[in-house]
Amino acid sequence: MSFLPIYLNLEKSQILIVGGGRVALKKLQGLIQFTSAITVCAPRVLKSIKVLPVSVLEQAYSSDLLENASLVYACTNDPDINQQIRIDARLRHILVNVADNPVSGDFISPALCRHKELTVAVSSNGLDVNKAIYWRNRIKTLLEVEE
């Protein structure tokens, strides 16, 4: 599978993250660099997520949560729920990222590096996250040396 790298303007977008654990936290750490219009929904949410500048709904997923969403991240620890989120989002023509099965979703999250006016995204097309992170970190070091 091959993904087109694009940069989205999230100024008028609402993002929904379903899941409140470590995977959701990792997604949030990248996203909050670009927007705070994020809602996290899960029956249990990590304290480290609750302190971030996002809305938190401590409840189970229901498809009505997709009503105003522009992007959706399915980050639960239940593959069946993640696939239901994918189905519900696609019925509404909302792009969805499925954390436990990247190729079943519409987009993947690259390893990001922001340095001054530059944003660099590194991706392995969802096949080797560690390799993408490795190269992102190498690029980050190069950008810091340039100062």
Protein backbone atom coordinates (compact mmCIF):
# COMPACT_ATOMS: atom_id res chain seq x y z
CA MET A 1 0.00 0.00 0.00
CA SER A 2 1.23 3.49 -0.78
CA PHE A 3 0.11 6.70 0.91
CA LEU A 4 0.22 10.20 -0.56
CA PRO A 5 2.03 12.61 1.78
CA ILE A 6 -0.06 15.76 2.21
CA TYR A 7 -0.24 18.57 4.74
CA LEU A 8 -3.72 19.49 5.94
CA ASN A 9 -5.00 22.84 7.15
CA LEU A 10 -6.76 21.92 10.39
CA GLU A 11 -7.91 25.45 11.21
CA LYS A 12 -11.60 24.66 10.70
CA SER A 13 -11.44 20.94 11.48
CA GLN A 14 -12.60 18.93 14.44
CA ILE A 15 -10.62 15.79 15.22
CA LEU A 16 -12.02 12.83 17.15
CA ILE A 17 -9.74 10.32 18.84
CA VAL A 18 -11.49 7.24 20.14
CA GLY A 19 -9.32 5.65 22.81
CA GLY A 20 -7.71 7.01 25.93
CA GLY A 21 -4.52 4.98 26.31
CA ARG A 22 -0.88 5.15 25.21
CA VAL A 23 -1.63 4.95 21.48
CA ALA A 24 -4.09 7.84 21.71
CA LEU A 25 -1.52 9.83 23.71
CA LYS A 26 1.11 9.33 20.99
CA LYS A 27 -1.32 10.52 18.31
CA LEU A 28 -2.24 13.53 20.45
CA GLN A 29 1.36 14.53 21.02
CA GLY A 30 1.75 15.01 17.28
CA LEU A 31 -1.66 16.57 16.66
CA ILE A 32 -1.61 19.24 19.39
CA GLN A 33 1.32 20.86 17.60
CA PHE A 34 -1.18 21.85 14.93
CA THR A 35 -4.60 22.22 16.58
CA SER A 36 -6.43 21.99 19.88
CA ALA A 37 -9.78 21.24 18.22
CA ILE A 38 -9.54 17.65 19.38
CA THR A 39 -11.99 15.50 21.31
CA VAL A 40 -10.85 12.32 23.02
CA CYS A 41 -13.50 9.73 23.81
CA ALA A 42 -12.97 6.61 25.94
CA PRO A 43 -14.45 5.04 29.07
CA ARG A 44 -11.04 5.49 30.73
CA VAL A 45 -8.58 8.22 29.79
CA LEU A 46 -4.96 8.53 30.93
CA LYS A 47 -4.23 11.42 33.28
CA SER A 48 -1.51 12.55 30.88
CA ILE A 49 -4.21 13.05 28.22
CA LYS A 50 -6.58 14.89 30.55
CA VAL A 51 -4.00 17.64 31.16
CA LEU A 52 -3.61 18.37 27.44
CA PRO A 53 -5.55 21.22 25.79
CA VAL A 54 -8.23 18.91 24.35
CA SER A 55 -11.83 18.00 25.16
CA VAL A 56 -12.27 14.69 26.97
CA LEU A 57 -15.42 12.60 27.01
CA GLU A 58 -15.19 9.67 29.40
CA GLN A 59 -17.72 7.43 27.70
CA ALA A 60 -17.93 4.51 25.31
CA TYR A 61 -17.80 5.12 21.57
CA SER A 62 -21.04 5.77 19.71
CA SER A 63 -21.35 6.76 16.07
CA ASP A 64 -23.08 10.06 16.90
CA LEU A 65 -19.66 11.32 18.10
CA LEU A 66 -18.67 11.52 14.43
CA GLU A 67 -21.24 14.20 13.68
CA ASN A 68 -18.84 17.18 13.50
CA ALA A 69 -15.57 15.34 12.93
CA SER A 70 -13.29 16.00 9.97
CA LEU A 71 -10.70 13.36 10.91
CA VAL A 72 -11.05 10.32 13.14
CA TYR A 73 -8.44 8.21 14.90
CA ALA A 74 -9.51 4.73 16.05
CA CYS A 75 -7.10 4.03 18.90
CA THR A 76 -8.92 1.62 21.17
CA ASN A 77 -7.45 -1.68 22.34
CA ASP A 78 -10.38 -3.52 20.75
CA PRO A 79 -9.91 -4.34 17.04
CA ASP A 80 -13.67 -4.85 16.57
CA ILE A 81 -14.46 -1.37 17.89
CA ASN A 82 -11.70 0.12 15.74
CA GLN A 83 -13.19 -1.51 12.66
CA GLN A 84 -16.68 -0.29 13.59
CA ILE A 85 -15.28 3.24 13.88
CA ARG A 86 -13.73 2.79 10.42
CA ILE A 87 -17.06 1.65 8.95
CA ASP A 88 -19.01 4.47 10.64
CA ALA A 89 -16.51 7.12 9.52
CA ARG A 90 -16.48 5.92 5.91
CA LEU A 91 -20.29 5.96 5.78
CA ARG A 92 -20.02 9.66 6.66
CA HIS A 93 -17.11 10.31 4.25
CA ILE A 94 -14.76 11.13 7.13
CA LEU A 95 -11.10 10.16 6.82
CA VAL A 96 -10.11 7.60 9.45
CA ASN A 97 -6.83 6.36 10.87
CA VAL A 98 -6.96 2.84 12.34
CA ALA A 99 -4.06 2.56 14.77
CA ASP A 100 -3.97 -1.24 15.09
CA ASN A 101 -4.42 -1.87 11.35
CA PRO A 102 -3.01 1.12 9.40
CA VAL A 103 -3.67 -0.29 5.93
CA SER A 104 -7.41 -0.59 6.65
CA GLY A 105 -7.68 3.15 7.26
CA ASP A 106 -7.59 6.13 4.92
CA PHE A 107 -4.40 7.72 6.22
CA ILE A 108 -1.45 7.07 8.47
CA SER A 109 0.36 9.39 10.84
CA PRO A 110 3.97 10.05 9.88
CA ALA A 111 6.80 10.66 12.31
CA LEU A 112 6.90 14.47 12.53
CA CYS A 113 9.69 16.93 13.12
CA ARG A 114 8.99 20.66 13.49
CA HIS A 115 11.88 23.07 13.47
CA LYS A 116 11.18 26.78 13.08
CA GLU A 117 9.23 27.15 9.79
CA LEU A 118 9.94 23.61 8.62
CA THR A 119 7.78 20.56 9.18
CA VAL A 120 9.23 17.26 8.02
CA ALA A 121 7.15 14.10 7.87
CA VAL A 122 8.73 10.65 7.57
CA SER A 123 6.70 7.57 6.76
CA SER A 124 7.29 3.91 6.06
CA ASN A 125 3.76 3.57 4.61
CA GLY A 126 2.72 2.03 7.91
CA LEU A 127 5.13 -0.90 7.61
CA ASP A 128 7.99 0.03 9.97
CA VAL A 129 7.19 2.73 12.52
CA ASN A 130 10.58 2.38 14.23
CA LYS A 131 12.42 3.04 10.98
CA ALA A 132 10.35 6.19 10.35
CA ILE A 133 11.07 7.42 13.89
CA TYR A 134 14.78 6.67 13.44
CA TRP A 135 14.96 8.78 10.27
CA ARG A 136 12.81 11.53 11.77
CA ASN A 137 15.28 11.76 14.67
CA ARG A 138 18.26 11.86 12.29
CA ILE A 139 16.63 14.71 10.35
CA LYS A 140 15.85 16.54 13.59
CA THR A 141 19.53 16.32 14.60
CA LEU A 142 20.60 17.70 11.21
CA LEU A 143 18.20 20.63 11.50
CA GLU A 144 19.42 21.48 15.01
CA VAL A 145 23.07 21.39 13.84
CA GLU A 146 22.23 23.90 11.08
CA GLU A 147 21.54 26.66 13.62
